[in-house]
Amino acid sequence: MVASSRVESISLGESINQQILNASRDEFRKLQPSTTGQPYDKVVVGAAALRYASDSGFPKTPSILLLKRAAHEVYFPNVFELPSGKVDPEDPTIQHALVREVQEETGLDVTAIVAELKPMIYSTDKMVLDNSGRDVLISKSAIQLNYIVSISNGNVKLSANEHSESTWATEGELDGLNITSAMRVVVQEVLKWAASKLHREEN
C-alpha cells in the first residue's frame, strides 16, 4: 500500500477533477455509472509519463512511456500500453491506485499529476464454465481513467509477470509498435498535448 503522506504531497494540475481523484473505487462507481446506468464492473487507472529529448540543433521531441504486456496475459498479450491497472477495493482513492500502479509496474514514483485525459471505455469478454460444465460468455464493462503524470528519474524496473519490455516512443515510432486502436488514440492525444505545451513554452 502506498503511504498516504506521499500521495498527498503530489502536486496536481489546475484543471484536474479532484473529486474523482479523491474518490474510492466504490464511490466512483456510484458517481459515474456506465451508459446503461449500472456501475462499471472494472475501474482502471492509466498513467501517461512523458520525457523530452533533443539532439544538438534540433527541437525537443516528446516521447511517452509504454509497456509491453507479457505473452501469457489473457487479454492483449504482447501489446503495448500505458502503465495501468485496476483500482482495488483496498485503495483509499483513485489517486492512491494511480501512484501504486506506476510504482508496481515501473519502479518509479509519481511526482505530479499534470492533466487528465478523456476516459477510455471498453468491455472485456471471457468464456467460463458454469456449474453444469457449459461454456458461458461473461462480459464486463470497464472504464480507464488516464492521467498525464510526471515521474521520478531512474531506470524502469518491470514486473516480469505483467510486462516484458518498456520503451519511450515518439509519435513517429508508434506505427512500429503493436498497440490497440483505442490506446493509440490516447497516446496520440498525450503527444499532441506535449507538443502544444512545448510550443507555448518556446513562444
C-alpha atoms as a PDB file:
ATOM      1  CA  MET A   1       0.000   0.000   0.000  1.00  0.00           C
ATOM      2  CA  VAL A   2       1.307   3.460  -0.915  1.00  0.00           C
ATOM      3  CA  ALA A   3       1.812   5.800   2.048  1.00  0.00           C
ATOM      4  CA  SER A   4      -0.900   8.469   2.231  1.00  0.00           C
ATOM      5  CA  SER A   5       1.659  11.148   3.097  1.00  0.00           C
ATOM      6  CA  ARG A   6       3.450  10.527  -0.200  1.00  0.00           C
ATOM      7  CA  VAL A   7       0.236  10.637  -2.210  1.00  0.00           C
ATOM      8  CA  GLU A   8      -0.914  13.849  -0.530  1.00  0.00           C
ATOM      9  CA  SER A   9       2.389  15.577  -1.367  1.00  0.00           C
ATOM     10  CA  ILE A  10       1.892  15.109  -5.122  1.00  0.00           C
ATOM     11  CA  SER A  11       1.135  18.336  -6.969  1.00  0.00           C
ATOM     12  CA  LEU A  12      -1.993  18.463  -9.129  1.00  0.00           C
ATOM     13  CA  GLY A  13      -2.710  20.360 -12.336  1.00  0.00           C
ATOM     14  CA  GLU A  14      -5.300  23.130 -12.142  1.00  0.00           C
ATOM     15  CA  SER A  15      -7.857  21.507 -14.469  1.00  0.00           C
ATOM     16  CA  ILE A  16      -7.947  18.116 -12.733  1.00  0.00           C
ATOM     17  CA  ASN A  17     -11.221  16.939 -11.205  1.00  0.00           C
ATOM     18  CA  GLN A  18     -10.104  16.316  -7.634  1.00  0.00           C
ATOM     19  CA  GLN A  19     -13.479  14.832  -6.701  1.00  0.00           C
ATOM     20  CA  ILE A  20     -12.667  11.845  -8.896  1.00  0.00           C
ATOM     21  CA  LEU A  21      -9.071  11.522  -7.703  1.00  0.00           C
ATOM     22  CA  ASN A  22     -10.215  11.609  -4.076  1.00  0.00           C
ATOM     23  CA  ALA A  23     -12.965   9.023  -4.591  1.00  0.00           C
ATOM     24  CA  SER A  24     -12.619   5.366  -3.685  1.00  0.00           C
ATOM     25  CA  ARG A  25     -13.431   2.732  -6.292  1.00  0.00           C
ATOM     26  CA  ASP A  26     -16.956   2.217  -4.946  1.00  0.00           C
ATOM     27  CA  GLU A  27     -17.586   5.964  -4.620  1.00  0.00           C
ATOM     28  CA  PHE A  28     -16.514   6.485  -8.231  1.00  0.00           C
ATOM     29  CA  ARG A  29     -18.755   3.676  -9.477  1.00  0.00           C
ATOM     30  CA  LYS A  30     -21.733   5.473  -7.898  1.00  0.00           C
ATOM     31  CA  LEU A  31     -20.538   8.896  -9.052  1.00  0.00           C
ATOM     32  CA  GLN A  32     -20.104   7.949 -12.717  1.00  0.00           C
ATOM     33  CA  PRO A  33     -22.217   4.971 -13.819  1.00  0.00           C
ATOM     34  CA  SER A  34     -21.907   3.449 -17.282  1.00  0.00           C
ATOM     35  CA  THR A  35     -24.169   4.370 -20.196  1.00  0.00           C
ATOM     36  CA  THR A  36     -26.549   1.594 -19.103  1.00  0.00           C
ATOM     37  CA  GLY A  37     -26.996   3.301 -15.741  1.00  0.00           C
ATOM     38  CA  GLN A  38     -25.219   0.444 -13.975  1.00  0.00           C
ATOM     39  CA  PRO A  39     -21.852   0.850 -12.220  1.00  0.00           C
ATOM     40  CA  TYR A  40     -18.789  -0.131 -14.235  1.00  0.00           C
ATOM     41  CA  ASP A  41     -17.615  -3.644 -13.414  1.00  0.00           C
ATOM     42  CA  LYS A  42     -13.981  -2.536 -13.523  1.00  0.00           C
ATOM     43  CA  VAL A  43     -12.345   0.813 -12.812  1.00  0.00           C
ATOM     44  CA  VAL A  44      -8.820   1.103 -14.203  1.00  0.00           C
ATOM     45  CA  VAL A  45      -6.219   3.873 -13.979  1.00  0.00           C
ATOM     46  CA  GLY A  46      -3.573   4.672 -16.592  1.00  0.00           C
ATOM     47  CA  ALA A  47      -0.502   6.911 -16.355  1.00  0.00           C
ATOM     48  CA  ALA A  48       0.989   8.731 -19.339  1.00  0.00           C
ATOM     49  CA  ALA A  49       4.580   9.645 -18.462  1.00  0.00           C
ATOM     50  CA  LEU A  50       6.499  11.925 -20.826  1.00  0.00           C
ATOM     51  CA  ARG A  51      10.080  12.891 -21.417  1.00  0.00           C
ATOM     52  CA  TYR A  52      11.614  15.321 -23.874  1.00  0.00           C
ATOM     53  CA  ALA A  53      14.780  14.547 -25.824  1.00  0.00           C
ATOM     54  CA  SER A  54      16.679  16.809 -28.185  1.00  0.00           C
ATOM     55  CA  ASP A  55      19.767  16.475 -30.333  1.00  0.00           C
ATOM     56  CA  SER A  56      22.048  19.444 -30.778  1.00  0.00           C
ATOM     57  CA  GLY A  57      20.384  21.935 -33.090  1.00  0.00           C
ATOM     58  CA  PHE A  58      17.060  20.096 -33.164  1.00  0.00           C
ATOM     59  CA  PRO A  59      13.876  20.923 -31.234  1.00  0.00           C
ATOM     60  CA  LYS A  60      12.787  18.815 -28.293  1.00  0.00           C
ATOM     61  CA  THR A  61      10.705  15.776 -29.162  1.00  0.00           C
ATOM     62  CA  PRO A  62       8.221  14.329 -26.643  1.00  0.00           C
ATOM     63  CA  SER A  63       8.139  10.581 -26.046  1.00  0.00           C
ATOM     64  CA  ILE A  64       5.771   8.516 -23.920  1.00  0.00           C
ATOM     65  CA  LEU A  65       6.477   5.501 -21.715  1.00  0.00           C
ATOM     66  CA  LEU A  66       4.790   2.326 -22.969  1.00  0.00           C
ATOM     67  CA  LEU A  67       4.969  -1.182 -21.520  1.00  0.00           C
ATOM     68  CA  LYS A  68       4.603  -4.438 -23.466  1.00  0.00           C
ATOM     69  CA  ARG A  69       2.123  -6.848 -21.894  1.00  0.00           C
ATOM     70  CA  ALA A  70       3.500 -10.295 -21.064  1.00  0.00           C
ATOM     71  CA  ALA A  71       2.952 -13.124 -23.560  1.00  0.00           C
ATOM     72  CA  HIS A  72       0.862 -15.123 -21.071  1.00  0.00           C
ATOM     73  CA  GLU A  73      -1.715 -12.363 -20.499  1.00  0.00           C
ATOM     74  CA  VAL A  74      -5.290 -13.443 -21.313  1.00  0.00           C
ATOM     75  CA  TYR A  75      -6.186 -10.045 -22.760  1.00  0.00           C
ATOM     76  CA  PHE A  76      -3.967  -8.376 -25.373  1.00  0.00           C
ATOM     77  CA  PRO A  77      -0.736 -10.379 -24.941  1.00  0.00           C
ATOM     78  CA  ASN A  78       2.420  -8.707 -26.343  1.00  0.00           C
ATOM     79  CA  VAL A  79       0.562  -5.409 -26.825  1.00  0.00           C
ATOM     80  CA  PHE A  80       1.996  -2.074 -25.687  1.00  0.00           C
ATOM     81  CA  GLU A  81       0.024   0.026 -23.212  1.00  0.00           C
ATOM     82  CA  LEU A  82       0.340   2.767 -20.616  1.00  0.00           C
ATOM     83  CA  PRO A  83       1.370   1.746 -17.106  1.00  0.00           C
ATOM     84  CA  SER A  84      -2.083   0.873 -15.790  1.00  0.00           C
ATOM     85  CA  GLY A  85      -4.167  -1.410 -13.632  1.00  0.00           C
ATOM     86  CA  LYS A  86      -7.361  -1.960 -11.704  1.00  0.00           C
ATOM     87  CA  VAL A  87      -8.375   0.193  -8.774  1.00  0.00           C
ATOM     88  CA  ASP A  88      -8.524  -2.253  -5.870  1.00  0.00           C
ATOM     89  CA  PRO A  89     -11.077  -2.177  -3.034  1.00  0.00           C
ATOM     90  CA  GLU A  90      -8.128  -1.599  -0.675  1.00  0.00           C
ATOM     91  CA  ASP A  91      -7.037   1.594  -2.472  1.00  0.00           C
ATOM     92  CA  PRO A  92      -8.264   4.559  -0.387  1.00  0.00           C
ATOM     93  CA  THR A  93      -8.655   6.725  -3.518  1.00  0.00           C
ATOM     94  CA  ILE A  94      -8.243   6.732  -7.290  1.00  0.00           C
ATOM     95  CA  GLN A  95      -5.084   8.779  -6.756  1.00  0.00           C
ATOM     96  CA  HIS A  96      -3.615   6.128  -4.459  1.00  0.00           C
ATOM     97  CA  ALA A  97      -4.309   3.490  -7.116  1.00  0.00           C
ATOM     98  CA  LEU A  98      -2.604   5.554  -9.831  1.00  0.00           C
ATOM     99  CA  VAL A  99       0.524   6.060  -7.731  1.00  0.00           C
ATOM    100  CA  ARG A 100       0.582   2.402  -6.687  1.00  0.00           C
ATOM    101  CA  GLU A 101       0.229   1.036 -10.215  1.00  0.00           C
ATOM    102  CA  VAL A 102       3.050   3.213 -11.569  1.00  0.00           C
ATOM    103  CA  GLN A 103       5.340   2.166  -8.728  1.00  0.00           C
ATOM    104  CA  GLU A 104       4.483  -1.534  -9.088  1.00  0.00           C
ATOM    105  CA  GLU A 105       4.852  -1.641 -12.871  1.00  0.00           C
ATOM    106  CA  THR A 106       7.847   0.682 -13.391  1.00  0.00           C
ATOM    107  CA  GLY A 107       9.597   1.036 -10.025  1.00  0.00           C
ATOM    108  CA  LEU A 108       9.248   4.822 -10.374  1.00  0.00           C
ATOM    109  CA  ASP A 109       7.338   7.347  -8.276  1.00  0.00           C
ATOM    110  CA  VAL A 110       4.663   9.766  -9.475  1.00  0.00           C
ATOM    111  CA  THR A 111       5.764  13.291  -8.533  1.00  0.00           C
ATOM    112  CA  ALA A 112       2.897  15.225 -10.140  1.00  0.00           C
ATOM    113  CA  ILE A 113      -0.446  14.587 -11.810  1.00  0.00           C
ATOM    114  CA  VAL A 114      -0.353  17.156 -14.568  1.00  0.00           C
ATOM    115  CA  ALA A 115      -3.552  16.715 -16.579  1.00  0.00           C
ATOM    116  CA  GLU A 116      -6.462  14.353 -17.067  1.00  0.00           C
ATOM    117  CA  LEU A 117      -7.425  12.759 -20.351  1.00  0.00           C
ATOM    118  CA  LYS A 118     -10.691  11.543 -21.817  1.00  0.00           C
ATOM    119  CA  PRO A 119     -11.585   8.205 -20.164  1.00  0.00           C
ATOM    120  CA  MET A 120     -11.263   5.047 -22.237  1.00  0.00           C
ATOM    121  CA  ILE A 121     -14.452   2.972 -22.081  1.00  0.00           C
ATOM    122  CA  TYR A 122     -14.426  -0.650 -23.174  1.00  0.00           C
ATOM    123  CA  SER A 123     -15.643  -4.143 -22.317  1.00  0.00           C
ATOM    124  CA  THR A 124     -13.922  -7.477 -21.800  1.00  0.00           C
ATOM    125  CA  ASP A 125     -15.306 -10.898 -22.742  1.00  0.00           C
ATOM    126  CA  LYS A 126     -14.276 -14.187 -21.170  1.00  0.00           C
ATOM    127  CA  MET A 127     -15.518 -17.759 -21.550  1.00  0.00           C
ATOM    128  CA  VAL A 128     -16.062 -19.565 -18.237  1.00  0.00           C
ATOM    129  CA  LEU A 129     -17.630 -22.862 -17.228  1.00  0.00           C
ATOM    130  CA  ASP A 130     -20.922 -22.693 -15.354  1.00  0.00           C
ATOM    131  CA  ASN A 131     -21.997 -25.204 -12.689  1.00  0.00           C
ATOM    132  CA  SER A 132     -23.215 -27.635 -15.341  1.00  0.00           C
ATOM    133  CA  GLY A 133     -19.919 -27.541 -17.233  1.00  0.00           C
ATOM    134  CA  ARG A 134     -21.180 -25.449 -20.133  1.00  0.00           C
ATOM    135  CA  ASP A 135     -19.234 -22.535 -21.624  1.00  0.00           C
ATOM    136  CA  VAL A 136     -20.745 -19.176 -20.718  1.00  0.00           C
ATOM    137  CA  LEU A 137     -19.607 -15.814 -22.078  1.00  0.00           C
ATOM    138  CA  ILE A 138     -19.051 -13.249 -19.320  1.00  0.00           C
ATOM    139  CA  SER A 139     -18.862  -9.625 -20.447  1.00  0.00           C
ATOM    140  CA  LYS A 140     -17.669  -6.877 -18.107  1.00  0.00           C
ATOM    141  CA  SER A 141     -17.832  -3.120 -18.591  1.00  0.00           C
ATOM    142  CA  ALA A 142     -14.721  -1.102 -17.819  1.00  0.00           C
ATOM    143  CA  ILE A 143     -13.555   2.494 -17.679  1.00  0.00           C
ATOM    144  CA  GLN A 144      -9.903   3.535 -17.711  1.00  0.00           C
ATOM    145  CA  LEU A 145      -9.150   6.914 -16.155  1.00  0.00           C
ATOM    146  CA  ASN A 146      -5.988   8.218 -17.809  1.00  0.00           C
ATOM    147  CA  TYR A 147      -3.743  10.965 -16.473  1.00  0.00           C
ATOM    148  CA  ILE A 148      -0.595  12.690 -17.681  1.00  0.00           C
ATOM    149  CA  VAL A 149       1.947  12.391 -14.879  1.00  0.00           C
ATOM    150  CA  SER A 150       5.487  13.394 -14.002  1.00  0.00           C
ATOM    151  CA  ILE A 151       7.642  10.607 -12.620  1.00  0.00           C
ATOM    152  CA  SER A 152      10.933  10.356 -10.764  1.00  0.00           C
ATOM    153  CA  ASN A 153      14.182   9.915 -12.662  1.00  0.00           C
ATOM    154  CA  GLY A 154      15.641   6.451 -12.933  1.00  0.00           C
ATOM    155  CA  ASN A 155      15.522   3.277 -14.949  1.00  0.00           C
ATOM    156  CA  VAL A 156      12.238   1.468 -15.467  1.00  0.00           C
ATOM    157  CA  LYS A 157      12.090  -1.763 -13.464  1.00  0.00           C
ATOM    158  CA  LEU A 158       9.425  -4.027 -14.907  1.00  0.00           C
ATOM    159  CA  SER A 159       7.274  -6.518 -13.071  1.00  0.00           C
ATOM    160  CA  ALA A 160       8.149  -9.584 -15.170  1.00  0.00           C
ATOM    161  CA  ASN A 161       4.827 -11.335 -14.579  1.00  0.00           C
ATOM    162  CA  GLU A 162       2.984  -8.381 -16.152  1.00  0.00           C
ATOM    163  CA  HIS A 163       5.277  -6.828 -18.777  1.00  0.00           C
ATOM    164  CA  SER A 164       8.223  -7.983 -20.867  1.00  0.00           C
ATOM    165  CA  GLU A 165       9.536  -4.719 -22.309  1.00  0.00           C
ATOM    166  CA  SER A 166       9.414  -0.945 -21.929  1.00  0.00           C
ATOM    167  CA  THR A 167      10.014   1.789 -24.477  1.00  0.00           C
ATOM    168  CA  TRP A 168       9.909   5.567 -24.746  1.00  0.00           C
ATOM    169  CA  ALA A 169       8.059   6.098 -28.029  1.00  0.00           C
ATOM    170  CA  THR A 170       7.741   9.227 -30.145  1.00  0.00           C
ATOM    171  CA  GLU A 171       4.750   9.768 -32.416  1.00  0.00           C
ATOM    172  CA  GLY A 172       6.788   8.630 -35.412  1.00  0.00           C
ATOM    173  CA  GLU A 173       7.595   5.331 -33.719  1.00  0.00           C
ATOM    174  CA  LEU A 174       4.003   4.315 -32.930  1.00  0.00           C
ATOM    175  CA  ASP A 175       3.437   2.570 -36.264  1.00  0.00           C
ATOM    176  CA  GLY A 176       6.186   0.102 -35.403  1.00  0.00           C
ATOM    177  CA  LEU A 177       4.530  -0.950 -32.147  1.00  0.00           C
ATOM    178  CA  ASN A 178       1.777  -3.488 -31.514  1.00  0.00           C
ATOM    179  CA  ILE A 179      -0.854  -1.253 -29.922  1.00  0.00           C
ATOM    180  CA  THR A 180      -4.660  -1.255 -29.911  1.00  0.00           C
ATOM    181  CA  SER A 181      -6.541   1.417 -31.827  1.00  0.00           C
ATOM    182  CA  ALA A 182      -8.125   2.718 -28.611  1.00  0.00           C
ATOM    183  CA  MET A 183      -4.746   3.019 -26.883  1.00  0.00           C
ATOM    184  CA  ARG A 184      -3.267   4.675 -29.970  1.00  0.00           C
ATOM    185  CA  VAL A 185      -5.902   7.416 -29.707  1.00  0.00           C
ATOM    186  CA  VAL A 186      -4.936   8.016 -26.062  1.00  0.00           C
ATOM    187  CA  VAL A 187      -1.208   8.076 -26.840  1.00  0.00           C
ATOM    188  CA  GLN A 188      -1.665  10.466 -29.752  1.00  0.00           C
ATOM    189  CA  GLU A 189      -3.745  12.760 -27.522  1.00  0.00           C
ATOM    190  CA  VAL A 190      -0.921  12.797 -24.963  1.00  0.00           C
ATOM    191  CA  LEU A 191       1.785  13.526 -27.535  1.00  0.00           C
ATOM    192  CA  LYS A 192      -0.338  16.279 -29.089  1.00  0.00           C
ATOM    193  CA  TRP A 193      -0.762  17.812 -25.617  1.00  0.00           C
ATOM    194  CA  ALA A 194       3.006  17.588 -25.058  1.00  0.00           C
ATOM    195  CA  ALA A 195       3.840  19.204 -28.404  1.00  0.00           C
ATOM    196  CA  SER A 196       1.384  22.031 -27.695  1.00  0.00           C
ATOM    197  CA  LYS A 197       2.959  22.569 -24.267  1.00  0.00           C
ATOM    198  CA  LEU A 198       6.432  22.788 -25.812  1.00  0.00           C
ATOM    199  CA  HIS A 199       5.179  25.276 -28.412  1.00  0.00           C
ATOM    200  CA  ARG A 200       3.703  27.524 -25.702  1.00  0.00           C
ATOM    201  CA  GLU A 201       6.917  27.422 -23.679  1.00  0.00           C
ATOM    202  CA  GLU A 202       9.075  28.302 -26.678  1.00  0.00           C
ATOM    203  CA  ASN A 203       6.934  31.296 -27.726  1.00  0.00           C
END
